[in-house]
Amino acid sequence: MANQYPQPEVYTTRHNFATASFGTSDTQTIYTNIAHNEQVLVYGVMVNFIENAGDIGGVIVLSGDTKEDARFSVTINSGANTVPTNSFDAQFIHRKTDKMMTFPCPILVSHRDVLQVTLERTATTALSKAIICKVTLIGEIIKKEA
C-alpha cells in the first residue's frame, strides 16, 4: 500500500461475556503501531452486540427481547487519560440505525500512547445468554507537523 496521509484506520476490539453481573468489565488494548512522527485521530465509535448462537454454529444480532443484556458502558483511554472523561451508553449506540456515534472533537493518540477500550456491565440483572460485543473505533493516521 502506498504511503498516504491521512491514512484511514479501523480498530476493532471483541469483548466476550459468558456471564456478567453489575460492574463486570473487560478491557482490550489496541496497538496502533504508529511511528514517532505520526498520530491517530479517532472520530467515532461503533458498537455491535452479538449473541452466541451455540448449537446453530453462527451468530445473530442481539434481538429486542434481551434489552437488559445490552446494558454496558464504553470507555476509551488514550495514554493515562479517559477521553472523553465520561463513558458512553453502549446500548444507545447499538440501537442506532448505523450503530455509530461520532465525536464532536476527535480523540488524539500519540506515539507510544496506549489505546484501550473498556466495556463495563451497568445492568443489575444477570445476562440471559452469552454475548459478544464488538467495539470499532474509526479514525485516521496523520503526520505530525514539524
N, C-alpha and C. Protein backbone atom coordinates (compact mmCIF):
# COMPACT_ATOMS: atom_id res chain seq x y z
N MET A 1 0.84 -1.17 0.00
CA MET A 1 0.00 0.00 0.00
C MET A 1 0.88 1.23 0.00
N ALA A 2 0.52 2.20 -0.77
CA ALA A 2 1.27 3.45 -0.84
C ALA A 2 1.10 4.22 0.46
N ASN A 3 2.13 4.98 0.81
CA ASN A 3 2.04 5.84 1.98
C ASN A 3 1.07 6.96 1.67
N GLN A 4 0.07 7.06 2.47
CA GLN A 4 -0.99 8.02 2.20
C GLN A 4 -1.30 8.75 3.51
N TYR A 5 -1.32 10.06 3.48
CA TYR A 5 -1.67 10.84 4.66
C TYR A 5 -2.78 11.79 4.30
N PRO A 6 -3.87 11.84 5.03
CA PRO A 6 -4.15 10.98 6.17
C PRO A 6 -4.50 9.56 5.71
N GLN A 7 -4.18 8.60 6.56
CA GLN A 7 -4.41 7.20 6.26
C GLN A 7 -5.58 6.69 7.10
N PRO A 8 -6.67 6.22 6.49
CA PRO A 8 -7.83 5.75 7.27
C PRO A 8 -7.48 4.51 8.08
N GLU A 9 -8.05 4.42 9.26
CA GLU A 9 -7.79 3.30 10.16
C GLU A 9 -9.08 2.86 10.82
N VAL A 10 -9.22 1.55 11.03
CA VAL A 10 -10.34 0.97 11.77
C VAL A 10 -9.75 0.00 12.78
N TYR A 11 -10.06 0.21 14.05
CA TYR A 11 -9.57 -0.65 15.13
C TYR A 11 -10.77 -1.32 15.78
N THR A 12 -10.76 -2.65 15.87
CA THR A 12 -11.89 -3.38 16.44
C THR A 12 -11.43 -4.20 17.64
N THR A 13 -12.21 -4.12 18.71
CA THR A 13 -11.99 -4.97 19.88
C THR A 13 -13.19 -5.87 20.04
N ARG A 14 -12.95 -7.03 20.62
CA ARG A 14 -14.01 -8.02 20.82
C ARG A 14 -14.05 -8.37 22.30
N HIS A 15 -15.21 -8.17 22.92
CA HIS A 15 -15.38 -8.41 24.34
C HIS A 15 -16.38 -9.55 24.53
N ASN A 16 -15.93 -10.65 25.14
CA ASN A 16 -16.78 -11.83 25.35
C ASN A 16 -17.29 -11.84 26.78
N PHE A 17 -18.59 -12.04 26.94
CA PHE A 17 -19.19 -12.13 28.26
C PHE A 17 -20.08 -13.38 28.30
N ALA A 18 -19.62 -14.41 29.00
CA ALA A 18 -20.45 -15.61 29.18
C ALA A 18 -21.47 -15.33 30.28
N THR A 19 -21.01 -14.74 31.36
CA THR A 19 -21.88 -14.28 32.44
C THR A 19 -21.32 -12.94 32.89
N ALA A 20 -22.16 -12.07 33.34
CA ALA A 20 -21.68 -10.77 33.81
C ALA A 20 -22.69 -10.19 34.79
N SER A 21 -22.19 -9.76 35.93
CA SER A 21 -23.03 -9.07 36.89
C SER A 21 -22.65 -7.60 36.88
N PHE A 22 -23.34 -6.80 37.67
CA PHE A 22 -23.10 -5.36 37.71
C PHE A 22 -21.62 -5.08 38.02
N GLY A 23 -20.99 -4.23 37.23
CA GLY A 23 -19.60 -3.85 37.47
C GLY A 23 -18.57 -4.72 36.79
N THR A 24 -18.97 -5.83 36.19
CA THR A 24 -18.02 -6.67 35.46
C THR A 24 -17.51 -5.91 34.25
N SER A 25 -16.20 -5.91 34.07
CA SER A 25 -15.65 -5.16 32.94
C SER A 25 -14.60 -5.98 32.19
N ASP A 26 -14.39 -5.60 30.96
CA ASP A 26 -13.38 -6.22 30.11
C ASP A 26 -12.65 -5.12 29.36
N THR A 27 -11.33 -5.10 29.47
CA THR A 27 -10.51 -4.08 28.82
C THR A 27 -9.66 -4.72 27.74
N GLN A 28 -9.67 -4.13 26.55
CA GLN A 28 -8.86 -4.59 25.44
C GLN A 28 -7.92 -3.47 25.02
N THR A 29 -6.68 -3.81 24.74
CA THR A 29 -5.68 -2.84 24.31
C THR A 29 -5.53 -2.91 22.79
N ILE A 30 -5.45 -1.73 22.19
CA ILE A 30 -5.26 -1.62 20.75
C ILE A 30 -3.85 -1.11 20.50
N TYR A 31 -3.10 -1.82 19.69
CA TYR A 31 -1.75 -1.40 19.32
C TYR A 31 -1.83 -0.70 17.96
N THR A 32 -1.58 0.59 17.95
CA THR A 32 -1.73 1.37 16.72
C THR A 32 -0.53 1.24 15.79
N ASN A 33 0.64 0.88 16.32
CA ASN A 33 1.86 0.71 15.52
C ASN A 33 2.17 1.93 14.66
N ILE A 34 2.10 3.10 15.27
CA ILE A 34 2.42 4.32 14.53
C ILE A 34 3.85 4.73 14.82
N ALA A 35 4.43 5.45 13.89
CA ALA A 35 5.81 5.93 14.03
C ALA A 35 5.84 7.15 14.94
N HIS A 36 7.04 7.56 15.32
CA HIS A 36 7.21 8.70 16.24
C HIS A 36 6.70 10.02 15.65
N ASN A 37 6.60 10.10 14.33
CA ASN A 37 6.14 11.34 13.69
C ASN A 37 4.68 11.24 13.22
N GLU A 38 3.93 10.30 13.78
CA GLU A 38 2.54 10.12 13.41
C GLU A 38 1.63 10.20 14.63
N GLN A 39 0.36 10.46 14.39
CA GLN A 39 -0.67 10.48 15.42
C GLN A 39 -1.92 9.82 14.86
N VAL A 40 -2.75 9.30 15.75
CA VAL A 40 -4.03 8.74 15.36
C VAL A 40 -5.12 9.68 15.86
N LEU A 41 -6.05 10.01 15.00
CA LEU A 41 -7.24 10.77 15.38
C LEU A 41 -8.44 9.82 15.26
N VAL A 42 -9.16 9.62 16.36
CA VAL A 42 -10.33 8.74 16.37
C VAL A 42 -11.57 9.63 16.30
N TYR A 43 -12.38 9.42 15.26
CA TYR A 43 -13.54 10.27 15.00
C TYR A 43 -14.87 9.68 15.46
N GLY A 44 -14.92 8.39 15.70
CA GLY A 44 -16.19 7.79 16.08
C GLY A 44 -16.03 6.39 16.62
N VAL A 45 -17.11 5.89 17.21
CA VAL A 45 -17.13 4.55 17.78
C VAL A 45 -18.39 3.82 17.29
N MET A 46 -18.23 2.54 16.97
CA MET A 46 -19.36 1.69 16.59
C MET A 46 -19.46 0.57 17.63
N VAL A 47 -20.69 0.21 17.97
CA VAL A 47 -20.93 -0.87 18.93
C VAL A 47 -21.91 -1.85 18.32
N ASN A 48 -21.58 -3.14 18.36
CA ASN A 48 -22.45 -4.17 17.84
C ASN A 48 -22.47 -5.34 18.81
N PHE A 49 -23.63 -5.61 19.38
CA PHE A 49 -23.80 -6.76 20.27
C PHE A 49 -24.25 -7.96 19.46
N ILE A 50 -23.66 -9.10 19.76
CA ILE A 50 -23.96 -10.34 19.06
C ILE A 50 -24.22 -11.39 20.13
N GLU A 51 -25.26 -12.20 19.92
CA GLU A 51 -25.49 -13.29 20.85
C GLU A 51 -24.93 -14.57 20.25
N ASN A 52 -24.35 -15.38 21.10
CA ASN A 52 -23.74 -16.61 20.65
C ASN A 52 -24.84 -17.61 20.33
N ALA A 53 -24.92 -18.06 19.08
CA ALA A 53 -26.00 -18.94 18.66
C ALA A 53 -25.75 -20.39 19.04
N GLY A 54 -24.56 -20.71 19.52
CA GLY A 54 -24.26 -22.04 20.06
C GLY A 54 -24.50 -23.17 19.09
N ASP A 55 -25.64 -23.86 19.25
CA ASP A 55 -25.86 -25.09 18.50
C ASP A 55 -26.07 -24.88 17.00
N ILE A 56 -26.43 -23.69 16.55
CA ILE A 56 -26.57 -23.50 15.11
C ILE A 56 -25.25 -23.05 14.48
N GLY A 57 -24.23 -22.82 15.32
CA GLY A 57 -22.90 -22.58 14.80
C GLY A 57 -22.64 -21.19 14.26
N GLY A 58 -23.55 -20.25 14.43
CA GLY A 58 -23.33 -18.92 13.91
C GLY A 58 -23.64 -17.87 14.96
N VAL A 59 -23.66 -16.64 14.53
CA VAL A 59 -24.00 -15.55 15.43
C VAL A 59 -25.11 -14.73 14.80
N ILE A 60 -25.96 -14.19 15.64
CA ILE A 60 -27.03 -13.32 15.16
C ILE A 60 -27.01 -12.04 15.98
N VAL A 61 -27.54 -10.99 15.41
CA VAL A 61 -27.56 -9.71 16.12
C VAL A 61 -28.48 -9.83 17.32
N LEU A 62 -28.08 -9.23 18.42
CA LEU A 62 -28.84 -9.28 19.66
C LEU A 62 -30.25 -8.78 19.41
N SER A 63 -31.23 -9.57 19.77
CA SER A 63 -32.63 -9.24 19.47
C SER A 63 -33.23 -8.34 20.54
N GLY A 64 -34.40 -7.81 20.26
CA GLY A 64 -35.05 -6.85 21.14
C GLY A 64 -35.54 -7.44 22.45
N ASP A 65 -35.74 -8.75 22.54
CA ASP A 65 -36.28 -9.34 23.76
C ASP A 65 -35.24 -9.42 24.87
N THR A 66 -33.99 -9.16 24.56
CA THR A 66 -32.93 -9.23 25.57
C THR A 66 -32.32 -7.85 25.78
N LYS A 67 -33.17 -6.86 26.00
CA LYS A 67 -32.71 -5.48 26.14
C LYS A 67 -31.76 -5.30 27.31
N GLU A 68 -31.99 -6.00 28.39
CA GLU A 68 -31.13 -5.86 29.56
C GLU A 68 -29.73 -6.41 29.31
N ASP A 69 -29.60 -7.33 28.36
CA ASP A 69 -28.29 -7.91 28.07
C ASP A 69 -27.34 -6.89 27.43
N ALA A 70 -27.87 -5.84 26.85
CA ALA A 70 -27.04 -4.84 26.17
C ALA A 70 -26.72 -3.64 27.06
N ARG A 71 -26.93 -3.75 28.34
CA ARG A 71 -26.66 -2.63 29.26
C ARG A 71 -25.18 -2.63 29.65
N PHE A 72 -24.39 -1.91 28.86
CA PHE A 72 -22.96 -1.77 29.10
C PHE A 72 -22.56 -0.32 28.85
N SER A 73 -21.46 0.08 29.44
CA SER A 73 -20.89 1.39 29.13
C SER A 73 -19.52 1.19 28.49
N VAL A 74 -19.19 2.07 27.56
CA VAL A 74 -17.92 2.01 26.84
C VAL A 74 -17.05 3.18 27.29
N THR A 75 -15.80 2.88 27.62
CA THR A 75 -14.83 3.90 28.00
C THR A 75 -13.61 3.75 27.09
N ILE A 76 -13.09 4.89 26.62
CA ILE A 76 -11.91 4.88 25.76
C ILE A 76 -10.79 5.60 26.49
N ASN A 77 -9.64 4.95 26.59
CA ASN A 77 -8.46 5.54 27.22
C ASN A 77 -7.37 5.76 26.18
N SER A 78 -6.81 6.96 26.20
CA SER A 78 -5.66 7.28 25.36
C SER A 78 -4.53 7.66 26.31
N GLY A 79 -3.51 6.83 26.37
CA GLY A 79 -2.47 7.05 27.37
C GLY A 79 -3.04 6.79 28.75
N ALA A 80 -2.80 7.69 29.68
CA ALA A 80 -3.31 7.54 31.05
C ALA A 80 -4.66 8.20 31.25
N ASN A 81 -5.22 8.79 30.20
CA ASN A 81 -6.44 9.58 30.33
C ASN A 81 -7.64 8.90 29.71
N THR A 82 -8.79 9.05 30.37
CA THR A 82 -10.06 8.64 29.79
C THR A 82 -10.54 9.78 28.91
N VAL A 83 -10.73 9.49 27.62
CA VAL A 83 -11.08 10.53 26.67
C VAL A 83 -12.36 10.13 25.95
N PRO A 84 -13.40 10.90 25.98
CA PRO A 84 -13.64 11.97 26.94
C PRO A 84 -13.80 11.40 28.34
N THR A 85 -13.98 12.25 29.32
CA THR A 85 -13.98 11.79 30.71
C THR A 85 -15.20 10.94 31.05
N ASN A 86 -16.27 11.05 30.29
CA ASN A 86 -17.49 10.27 30.54
C ASN A 86 -17.49 9.01 29.69
N SER A 87 -18.17 7.99 30.19
CA SER A 87 -18.34 6.77 29.40
C SER A 87 -19.58 6.94 28.51
N PHE A 88 -19.72 6.04 27.53
CA PHE A 88 -20.84 6.07 26.60
C PHE A 88 -21.77 4.91 26.88
N ASP A 89 -23.05 5.09 26.63
CA ASP A 89 -24.03 4.02 26.77
C ASP A 89 -23.96 3.15 25.52
N ALA A 90 -23.44 1.93 25.66
CA ALA A 90 -23.26 1.04 24.52
C ALA A 90 -24.59 0.63 23.90
N GLN A 91 -25.62 0.47 24.73
CA GLN A 91 -26.92 0.07 24.21
C GLN A 91 -27.50 1.15 23.31
N PHE A 92 -27.34 2.42 23.67
CA PHE A 92 -27.82 3.52 22.84
C PHE A 92 -27.15 3.51 21.47
N ILE A 93 -25.84 3.32 21.46
CA ILE A 93 -25.11 3.30 20.20
C ILE A 93 -25.54 2.09 19.36
N HIS A 94 -25.67 0.93 20.00
CA HIS A 94 -26.06 -0.30 19.29
C HIS A 94 -27.45 -0.18 18.66
N ARG A 95 -28.36 0.54 19.29
CA ARG A 95 -29.73 0.65 18.79
C ARG A 95 -29.88 1.65 17.65
N LYS A 96 -28.87 2.50 17.43
CA LYS A 96 -28.94 3.43 16.31
C LYS A 96 -28.89 2.65 15.00
N THR A 97 -29.45 3.20 13.95
CA THR A 97 -29.50 2.52 12.67
C THR A 97 -28.11 2.16 12.15
N ASP A 98 -27.18 3.11 12.25
CA ASP A 98 -25.82 2.86 11.75
C ASP A 98 -24.90 2.30 12.83
N LYS A 99 -25.41 2.15 14.06
CA LYS A 99 -24.66 1.61 15.20
C LYS A 99 -23.35 2.38 15.44
N MET A 100 -23.40 3.69 15.20
CA MET A 100 -22.19 4.50 15.29
C MET A 100 -22.48 5.83 15.97
N MET A 101 -21.50 6.30 16.73
CA MET A 101 -21.57 7.62 17.32
C MET A 101 -20.29 8.37 16.96
N THR A 102 -20.44 9.55 16.38
CA THR A 102 -19.27 10.35 16.03
C THR A 102 -19.00 11.35 17.15
N PHE A 103 -17.74 11.69 17.33
CA PHE A 103 -17.33 12.62 18.37
C PHE A 103 -17.29 14.04 17.80
N PRO A 104 -17.69 15.04 18.60
CA PRO A 104 -17.59 16.42 18.13
C PRO A 104 -16.14 16.87 17.97
N CYS A 105 -15.25 16.24 18.72
CA CYS A 105 -13.82 16.54 18.65
C CYS A 105 -13.08 15.20 18.67
N PRO A 106 -12.15 14.96 17.76
CA PRO A 106 -11.50 13.65 17.70
C PRO A 106 -10.63 13.36 18.93
N ILE A 107 -10.45 12.09 19.20
CA ILE A 107 -9.55 11.64 20.27
C ILE A 107 -8.17 11.51 19.68
N LEU A 108 -7.18 12.12 20.31
CA LEU A 108 -5.81 12.11 19.82
C LEU A 108 -5.01 11.02 20.53
N VAL A 109 -4.34 10.19 19.74
CA VAL A 109 -3.47 9.14 20.27
C VAL A 109 -2.09 9.38 19.68
N SER A 110 -1.12 9.66 20.55
CA SER A 110 0.25 9.93 20.09
C SER A 110 1.09 8.66 20.11
N HIS A 111 2.29 8.77 19.59
CA HIS A 111 3.24 7.67 19.58
C HIS A 111 3.47 7.17 21.01
N ARG A 112 3.44 5.89 21.20
CA ARG A 112 3.64 5.21 22.48
C ARG A 112 2.50 5.38 23.48
N ASP A 113 1.43 6.06 23.11
CA ASP A 113 0.24 6.10 23.97
C ASP A 113 -0.49 4.77 23.83
N VAL A 114 -0.99 4.27 24.94
CA VAL A 114 -1.76 3.04 24.93
C VAL A 114 -3.22 3.41 24.66
N LEU A 115 -3.83 2.77 23.69
CA LEU A 115 -5.23 2.99 23.37
C LEU A 115 -6.00 1.78 23.89
N GLN A 116 -6.95 2.03 24.81
CA GLN A 116 -7.70 0.94 25.42
C GLN A 116 -9.20 1.20 25.34
N VAL A 117 -9.95 0.13 25.18
CA VAL A 117 -11.41 0.18 25.18
C VAL A 117 -11.89 -0.71 26.32
N THR A 118 -12.71 -0.15 27.21
CA THR A 118 -13.25 -0.90 28.34
C THR A 118 -14.76 -0.97 28.22
N LEU A 119 -15.30 -2.16 28.38
CA LEU A 119 -16.74 -2.37 28.41
C LEU A 119 -17.11 -2.80 29.82
N GLU A 120 -18.07 -2.10 30.44
CA GLU A 120 -18.46 -2.40 31.81
C GLU A 120 -19.96 -2.64 31.89
N ARG A 121 -20.35 -3.67 32.60
CA ARG A 121 -21.77 -4.03 32.77
C ARG A 121 -22.44 -3.02 33.69
N THR A 122 -23.56 -2.42 33.26
CA THR A 122 -24.27 -1.43 34.07
C THR A 122 -25.64 -1.92 34.54
N ALA A 123 -26.13 -3.04 34.01
CA ALA A 123 -27.42 -3.57 34.45
C ALA A 123 -27.23 -4.40 35.72
N THR A 124 -28.26 -4.41 36.55
CA THR A 124 -28.20 -5.17 37.81
C THR A 124 -28.64 -6.61 37.62
N THR A 125 -29.22 -6.94 36.48
CA THR A 125 -29.66 -8.31 36.22
C THR A 125 -28.53 -9.11 35.57
N ALA A 126 -28.62 -10.42 35.71
CA ALA A 126 -27.62 -11.29 35.09
C ALA A 126 -27.92 -11.43 33.60
N LEU A 127 -26.88 -11.75 32.84
CA LEU A 127 -27.07 -11.98 31.40
C LEU A 127 -27.93 -13.21 31.18
N SER A 128 -28.83 -13.15 30.21
CA SER A 128 -29.68 -14.31 29.91
C SER A 128 -28.97 -15.30 28.99
N LYS A 129 -27.94 -14.84 28.29
CA LYS A 129 -27.18 -15.71 27.39
C LYS A 129 -25.80 -15.09 27.17
N ALA A 130 -24.88 -15.89 26.68
CA ALA A 130 -23.53 -15.39 26.40
C ALA A 130 -23.59 -14.42 25.23
N ILE A 131 -22.89 -13.30 25.36
CA ILE A 131 -22.88 -12.32 24.28
C ILE A 131 -21.46 -11.89 23.97
N ILE A 132 -21.31 -11.35 22.79
CA ILE A 132 -20.05 -10.80 22.32
C ILE A 132 -20.34 -9.36 21.93
N CYS A 133 -19.46 -8.46 22.30
CA CYS A 133 -19.61 -7.07 21.90
C CYS A 133 -18.40 -6.67 21.07
N LYS A 134 -18.66 -6.19 19.85
CA LYS A 134 -17.59 -5.68 19.01
C LYS A 134 -17.63 -4.16 19.07
N VAL A 135 -16.53 -3.56 19.50
CA VAL A 135 -16.41 -2.11 19.54
C VAL A 135 -15.38 -1.72 18.48
N THR A 136 -15.78 -0.86 17.57
CA THR A 136 -14.92 -0.44 16.48
C THR A 136 -14.66 1.05 16.57
N LEU A 137 -13.39 1.43 16.54
CA LEU A 137 -13.01 2.84 16.53
C LEU A 137 -12.63 3.21 15.10
N ILE A 138 -13.17 4.31 14.62
CA ILE A 138 -12.91 4.77 13.26
C ILE A 138 -12.08 6.04 13.32
N GLY A 139 -10.95 6.03 12.63
CA GLY A 139 -10.07 7.19 12.68
C GLY A 139 -9.14 7.25 11.50
N GLU A 140 -8.05 7.97 11.70
CA GLU A 140 -7.05 8.11 10.66
C GLU A 140 -5.69 8.36 11.29
N ILE A 141 -4.64 8.01 10.55
CA ILE A 141 -3.27 8.30 10.96
C ILE A 141 -2.82 9.54 10.21
N ILE A 142 -2.29 10.48 10.94
CA ILE A 142 -1.79 11.70 10.29
C ILE A 142 -0.33 11.91 10.69
N LYS A 143 0.40 12.65 9.86
CA LYS A 143 1.77 13.01 10.18
C LYS A 143 1.76 14.23 11.05
N LYS A 144 2.62 14.24 12.08
CA LYS A 144 2.77 15.43 12.92
C LYS A 144 3.48 16.49 12.14
N GLU A 145 3.08 17.71 12.39
CA GLU A 145 3.77 18.84 11.76
C GLU A 145 5.08 19.09 12.50
N ALA A 146 6.12 19.38 11.76
CA ALA A 146 7.45 19.60 12.35
C ALA A 146 7.56 20.93 13.05
